[in-house]
């Protein structure tokens, strides 16, 4: 069984490149309308190129309001990542936003996503958030199930640009994931 380590991303070219590719894979795998095609994704989404995504990630790395977590294997190679940020509503209510997560296929169903989620929640604890938001494609039942097990509930269903749910968890409804990796 693989031993996993949760840590922040290393600001190294090879690791940023891995996360960039993983972000692209997230879009291609989680949005069936993309048909797994980078060309379709580029036509549908602005900024869907390796260079543009890498630039966005690099620009946000040093922001104190953003967290880039990586799960690494025994050889410290990334096998999963998550990107989240601290936000504030116009009325100054603090909340957390999940905006990317990916687990390499060969490491799925091994508790890696729960490990990521536990690390994210720990980071958000210091922020004193009121609620957390995430988005999941209507067909991504694995992501929905993990989020629901932690207290997230679907609050909105969207049909454009592709079918997805907004899921929300209020602080009082949070259930911490069990981590057994």
C-alpha atoms as a PDB file:
ATOM      1  CA  UNK A   1       0.000   0.000   0.000  1.00  0.00           C
ATOM      2  CA  UNK A   2       1.254   3.436  -0.944  1.00  0.00           C
ATOM      3  CA  UNK A   3       2.048   5.894   1.839  1.00  0.00           C
ATOM      4  CA  UNK A   4       0.914   9.404   0.952  1.00  0.00           C
ATOM      5  CA  UNK A   5       2.098  12.777   2.186  1.00  0.00           C
ATOM      6  CA  UNK A   6       0.012  15.942   2.103  1.00  0.00           C
ATOM      7  CA  UNK A   7       1.948  19.163   1.583  1.00  0.00           C
ATOM      8  CA  UNK A   8       1.877  22.511  -0.151  1.00  0.00           C
ATOM      9  CA  UNK A   9       3.096  22.615  -3.726  1.00  0.00           C
ATOM     10  CA  UNK A  10       6.822  23.050  -4.271  1.00  0.00           C
ATOM     11  CA  UNK A  11       7.582  26.134  -6.323  1.00  0.00           C
ATOM     12  CA  UNK A  12       9.593  24.096  -8.804  1.00  0.00           C
ATOM     13  CA  UNK A  13       9.077  23.955 -12.567  1.00  0.00           C
ATOM     14  CA  UNK A  14       8.441  20.197 -12.771  1.00  0.00           C
ATOM     15  CA  UNK A  15       5.857  20.277  -9.985  1.00  0.00           C
ATOM     16  CA  UNK A  16       4.047  23.332 -11.361  1.00  0.00           C
ATOM     17  CA  UNK A  17       4.033  21.599 -14.755  1.00  0.00           C
ATOM     18  CA  UNK A  18       2.473  18.466 -13.193  1.00  0.00           C
ATOM     19  CA  UNK A  19      -0.251  20.526 -11.494  1.00  0.00           C
ATOM     20  CA  UNK A  20      -0.895  22.428 -14.735  1.00  0.00           C
ATOM     21  CA  UNK A  21      -1.382  19.159 -16.635  1.00  0.00           C
ATOM     22  CA  UNK A  22      -3.595  17.887 -13.806  1.00  0.00           C
ATOM     23  CA  UNK A  23      -5.756  21.040 -14.040  1.00  0.00           C
ATOM     24  CA  UNK A  24      -6.178  20.423 -17.733  1.00  0.00           C
ATOM     25  CA  UNK A  25      -7.026  16.755 -17.085  1.00  0.00           C
ATOM     26  CA  UNK A  26      -9.632  17.832 -14.532  1.00  0.00           C
ATOM     27  CA  UNK A  27     -11.467  19.779 -17.211  1.00  0.00           C
ATOM     28  CA  UNK A  28     -11.124  17.047 -19.825  1.00  0.00           C
ATOM     29  CA  UNK A  29     -12.256  14.250 -17.479  1.00  0.00           C
ATOM     30  CA  UNK A  30     -14.858  15.992 -15.337  1.00  0.00           C
ATOM     31  CA  UNK A  31     -16.741  17.794 -18.094  1.00  0.00           C
ATOM     32  CA  UNK A  32     -18.072  15.166 -20.509  1.00  0.00           C
ATOM     33  CA  UNK A  33     -19.056  17.884 -22.986  1.00  0.00           C
ATOM     34  CA  UNK A  34     -15.340  18.359 -23.698  1.00  0.00           C
ATOM     35  CA  UNK A  35     -15.156  14.814 -25.111  1.00  0.00           C
ATOM     36  CA  UNK A  36     -11.635  14.580 -23.662  1.00  0.00           C
ATOM     37  CA  UNK A  37     -10.475  16.953 -26.399  1.00  0.00           C
ATOM     38  CA  UNK A  38      -8.093  19.821 -25.700  1.00  0.00           C
ATOM     39  CA  UNK A  39      -9.253  21.436 -28.942  1.00  0.00           C
ATOM     40  CA  UNK A  40     -12.893  21.437 -27.807  1.00  0.00           C
ATOM     41  CA  UNK A  41     -11.805  22.806 -24.422  1.00  0.00           C
ATOM     42  CA  UNK A  42      -9.820  25.626 -26.053  1.00  0.00           C
ATOM     43  CA  UNK A  43     -12.843  26.539 -28.187  1.00  0.00           C
ATOM     44  CA  UNK A  44     -15.172  26.468 -25.170  1.00  0.00           C
ATOM     45  CA  UNK A  45     -13.021  28.011 -22.441  1.00  0.00           C
ATOM     46  CA  UNK A  46     -10.793  31.033 -22.549  1.00  0.00           C
ATOM     47  CA  UNK A  47      -7.350  30.369 -21.158  1.00  0.00           C
ATOM     48  CA  UNK A  48      -7.325  26.629 -21.828  1.00  0.00           C
ATOM     49  CA  UNK A  49      -3.747  26.164 -22.902  1.00  0.00           C
ATOM     50  CA  UNK A  50      -0.823  24.791 -20.953  1.00  0.00           C
ATOM     51  CA  UNK A  51       0.947  28.142 -20.998  1.00  0.00           C
ATOM     52  CA  UNK A  52      -2.106  30.135 -19.866  1.00  0.00           C
ATOM     53  CA  UNK A  53      -2.994  27.703 -17.073  1.00  0.00           C
ATOM     54  CA  UNK A  54       0.610  27.555 -15.884  1.00  0.00           C
ATOM     55  CA  UNK A  55       0.740  31.353 -15.832  1.00  0.00           C
ATOM     56  CA  UNK A  56      -2.481  31.515 -13.776  1.00  0.00           C
ATOM     57  CA  UNK A  57      -1.155  28.977 -11.263  1.00  0.00           C
ATOM     58  CA  UNK A  58       2.214  30.688 -10.970  1.00  0.00           C
ATOM     59  CA  UNK A  59       0.551  34.093 -10.475  1.00  0.00           C
ATOM     60  CA  UNK A  60      -1.522  32.743  -7.569  1.00  0.00           C
ATOM     61  CA  UNK A  61       1.174  30.701  -5.814  1.00  0.00           C
ATOM     62  CA  UNK A  62       2.278  33.441  -3.438  1.00  0.00           C
ATOM     63  CA  UNK A  63      -1.162  34.808  -2.596  1.00  0.00           C
ATOM     64  CA  UNK A  64      -1.954  34.318   1.077  1.00  0.00           C
ATOM     65  CA  UNK A  65      -5.619  33.842   0.130  1.00  0.00           C
ATOM     66  CA  UNK A  66      -4.844  30.769  -2.001  1.00  0.00           C
ATOM     67  CA  UNK A  67      -3.767  27.267  -1.061  1.00  0.00           C
ATOM     68  CA  UNK A  68      -2.201  24.779  -3.464  1.00  0.00           C
ATOM     69  CA  UNK A  69      -1.976  21.356  -1.872  1.00  0.00           C
ATOM     70  CA  UNK A  70      -0.310  18.281  -3.305  1.00  0.00           C
ATOM     71  CA  UNK A  71      -0.514  14.673  -2.235  1.00  0.00           C
ATOM     72  CA  UNK A  72       2.793  12.975  -2.950  1.00  0.00           C
ATOM     73  CA  UNK A  73       3.758   9.308  -3.064  1.00  0.00           C
ATOM     74  CA  UNK A  74       6.692   7.690  -1.230  1.00  0.00           C
ATOM     75  CA  UNK A  75       9.118   9.180  -3.740  1.00  0.00           C
ATOM     76  CA  UNK A  76       7.629  12.682  -3.263  1.00  0.00           C
ATOM     77  CA  UNK A  77       6.011  12.663  -6.715  1.00  0.00           C
ATOM     78  CA  UNK A  78       2.639  14.423  -6.957  1.00  0.00           C
ATOM     79  CA  UNK A  79      -0.341  12.101  -7.406  1.00  0.00           C
ATOM     80  CA  UNK A  80      -3.096  14.613  -6.577  1.00  0.00           C
ATOM     81  CA  UNK A  81      -3.627  18.296  -6.006  1.00  0.00           C
ATOM     82  CA  UNK A  82      -6.241  20.802  -4.888  1.00  0.00           C
ATOM     83  CA  UNK A  83      -6.519  24.554  -5.253  1.00  0.00           C
ATOM     84  CA  UNK A  84      -8.748  26.615  -2.973  1.00  0.00           C
ATOM     85  CA  UNK A  85      -9.120  30.240  -1.987  1.00  0.00           C
ATOM     86  CA  UNK A  86     -10.459  32.400   0.780  1.00  0.00           C
ATOM     87  CA  UNK A  87     -13.157  34.795  -0.380  1.00  0.00           C
ATOM     88  CA  UNK A  88     -15.485  37.414   1.018  1.00  0.00           C
ATOM     89  CA  UNK A  89     -19.021  38.329   0.004  1.00  0.00           C
ATOM     90  CA  UNK A  90     -19.917  41.986  -0.643  1.00  0.00           C
ATOM     91  CA  UNK A  91     -21.356  42.022   2.898  1.00  0.00           C
ATOM     92  CA  UNK A  92     -17.942  40.864   4.245  1.00  0.00           C
ATOM     93  CA  UNK A  93     -18.971  37.293   5.075  1.00  0.00           C
ATOM     94  CA  UNK A  94     -15.934  35.010   4.818  1.00  0.00           C
ATOM     95  CA  UNK A  95     -16.200  31.847   2.761  1.00  0.00           C
ATOM     96  CA  UNK A  96     -13.989  29.289   1.070  1.00  0.00           C
ATOM     97  CA  UNK A  97     -14.048  28.358  -2.598  1.00  0.00           C
ATOM     98  CA  UNK A  98     -12.836  25.076  -4.055  1.00  0.00           C
ATOM     99  CA  UNK A  99     -11.684  25.708  -7.612  1.00  0.00           C
ATOM    100  CA  UNK A 100      -9.612  22.709  -8.711  1.00  0.00           C
ATOM    101  CA  UNK A 101      -8.881  19.187  -7.566  1.00  0.00           C
ATOM    102  CA  UNK A 102      -7.456  16.154  -9.295  1.00  0.00           C
ATOM    103  CA  UNK A 103      -6.369  12.672  -8.293  1.00  0.00           C
ATOM    104  CA  UNK A 104      -4.364  10.623 -10.805  1.00  0.00           C
ATOM    105  CA  UNK A 105      -6.477   7.638 -11.923  1.00  0.00           C
ATOM    106  CA  UNK A 106      -4.159   5.008 -10.443  1.00  0.00           C
ATOM    107  CA  UNK A 107      -4.457   6.645  -7.001  1.00  0.00           C
ATOM    108  CA  UNK A 108      -8.234   6.997  -6.888  1.00  0.00           C
ATOM    109  CA  UNK A 109     -10.371   5.129  -4.347  1.00  0.00           C
ATOM    110  CA  UNK A 110      -7.416   5.039  -1.930  1.00  0.00           C
ATOM    111  CA  UNK A 111      -8.404   7.902   0.398  1.00  0.00           C
ATOM    112  CA  UNK A 112      -6.340  10.533  -1.420  1.00  0.00           C
ATOM    113  CA  UNK A 113      -9.278  12.895  -2.016  1.00  0.00           C
ATOM    114  CA  UNK A 114     -10.265  12.634   1.655  1.00  0.00           C
ATOM    115  CA  UNK A 115      -6.690  13.477   2.635  1.00  0.00           C
ATOM    116  CA  UNK A 116      -6.809  16.563   0.391  1.00  0.00           C
ATOM    117  CA  UNK A 117     -10.175  17.610   1.787  1.00  0.00           C
ATOM    118  CA  UNK A 118      -8.983  17.208   5.383  1.00  0.00           C
ATOM    119  CA  UNK A 119      -5.966  19.428   4.646  1.00  0.00           C
ATOM    120  CA  UNK A 120      -8.137  22.042   2.973  1.00  0.00           C
ATOM    121  CA  UNK A 121     -10.546  22.148   5.901  1.00  0.00           C
ATOM    122  CA  UNK A 122      -7.675  22.510   8.364  1.00  0.00           C
ATOM    123  CA  UNK A 123      -6.347  25.486   6.394  1.00  0.00           C
ATOM    124  CA  UNK A 124      -9.783  27.085   6.218  1.00  0.00           C
ATOM    125  CA  UNK A 125     -10.261  26.723  10.001  1.00  0.00           C
ATOM    126  CA  UNK A 126      -7.912  29.639  10.682  1.00  0.00           C
ATOM    127  CA  UNK A 127      -9.944  31.789   8.296  1.00  0.00           C
ATOM    128  CA  UNK A 128     -13.137  31.573  10.387  1.00  0.00           C
ATOM    129  CA  UNK A 129     -15.310  30.987   7.333  1.00  0.00           C
ATOM    130  CA  UNK A 130     -19.105  30.970   7.362  1.00  0.00           C
ATOM    131  CA  UNK A 131     -19.580  28.613   4.424  1.00  0.00           C
ATOM    132  CA  UNK A 132     -17.707  26.691   1.741  1.00  0.00           C
ATOM    133  CA  UNK A 133     -18.607  26.452  -1.946  1.00  0.00           C
ATOM    134  CA  UNK A 134     -17.675  23.879  -4.566  1.00  0.00           C
ATOM    135  CA  UNK A 135     -18.875  23.074  -8.052  1.00  0.00           C
ATOM    136  CA  UNK A 136     -19.306  19.582  -9.471  1.00  0.00           C
ATOM    137  CA  UNK A 137     -20.465  18.459 -12.878  1.00  0.00           C
ATOM    138  CA  UNK A 138     -23.819  16.699 -12.644  1.00  0.00           C
ATOM    139  CA  UNK A 139     -22.149  13.462 -13.791  1.00  0.00           C
ATOM    140  CA  UNK A 140     -19.271  13.623 -11.281  1.00  0.00           C
ATOM    141  CA  UNK A 141     -20.924  11.475  -8.646  1.00  0.00           C
ATOM    142  CA  UNK A 142     -17.614  10.686  -6.917  1.00  0.00           C
ATOM    143  CA  UNK A 143     -16.941  14.362  -6.157  1.00  0.00           C
ATOM    144  CA  UNK A 144     -20.554  14.928  -5.166  1.00  0.00           C
ATOM    145  CA  UNK A 145     -20.499  11.919  -2.848  1.00  0.00           C
ATOM    146  CA  UNK A 146     -17.302  12.998  -1.098  1.00  0.00           C
ATOM    147  CA  UNK A 147     -18.596  16.529  -0.618  1.00  0.00           C
ATOM    148  CA  UNK A 148     -22.007  15.319   0.601  1.00  0.00           C
ATOM    149  CA  UNK A 149     -20.322  13.008   3.120  1.00  0.00           C
ATOM    150  CA  UNK A 150     -18.745  16.143   4.612  1.00  0.00           C
ATOM    151  CA  UNK A 151     -22.008  18.060   4.829  1.00  0.00           C
ATOM    152  CA  UNK A 152     -22.150  19.816   1.465  1.00  0.00           C
ATOM    153  CA  UNK A 153     -25.566  20.126  -0.116  1.00  0.00           C
ATOM    154  CA  UNK A 154     -26.589  21.063  -3.621  1.00  0.00           C
ATOM    155  CA  UNK A 155     -27.871  24.637  -3.554  1.00  0.00           C
ATOM    156  CA  UNK A 156     -28.070  25.400  -7.268  1.00  0.00           C
ATOM    157  CA  UNK A 157     -28.236  23.487 -10.513  1.00  0.00           C
ATOM    158  CA  UNK A 158     -26.753  25.175 -13.567  1.00  0.00           C
ATOM    159  CA  UNK A 159     -27.258  24.252 -17.185  1.00  0.00           C
ATOM    160  CA  UNK A 160     -24.702  26.569 -18.778  1.00  0.00           C
ATOM    161  CA  UNK A 161     -21.994  26.466 -19.838  1.00  0.00           C
ATOM    162  CA  UNK A 162     -22.414  22.761 -18.936  1.00  0.00           C
ATOM    163  CA  UNK A 163     -24.593  20.998 -16.350  1.00  0.00           C
ATOM    164  CA  UNK A 164     -23.147  21.365 -12.861  1.00  0.00           C
ATOM    165  CA  UNK A 165     -24.131  21.855  -9.252  1.00  0.00           C
ATOM    166  CA  UNK A 166     -23.075  24.487  -6.776  1.00  0.00           C
ATOM    167  CA  UNK A 167     -22.603  22.729  -3.462  1.00  0.00           C
ATOM    168  CA  UNK A 168     -22.440  24.524  -0.126  1.00  0.00           C
ATOM    169  CA  UNK A 169     -21.509  23.588   3.395  1.00  0.00           C
ATOM    170  CA  UNK A 170     -22.238  25.892   6.318  1.00  0.00           C
ATOM    171  CA  UNK A 171     -19.775  25.758   9.208  1.00  0.00           C
ATOM    172  CA  UNK A 172     -22.306  24.167  11.586  1.00  0.00           C
ATOM    173  CA  UNK A 173     -23.045  21.365   9.068  1.00  0.00           C
ATOM    174  CA  UNK A 174     -19.440  20.353   8.409  1.00  0.00           C
ATOM    175  CA  UNK A 175     -18.446  16.716   8.931  1.00  0.00           C
ATOM    176  CA  UNK A 176     -14.714  16.072   8.760  1.00  0.00           C
ATOM    177  CA  UNK A 177     -13.626  13.325   6.357  1.00  0.00           C
ATOM    178  CA  UNK A 178     -12.010  10.218   7.797  1.00  0.00           C
ATOM    179  CA  UNK A 179      -8.490   9.800   6.487  1.00  0.00           C
ATOM    180  CA  UNK A 180      -7.057   6.296   6.185  1.00  0.00           C
ATOM    181  CA  UNK A 181      -4.175   6.437   3.707  1.00  0.00           C
END
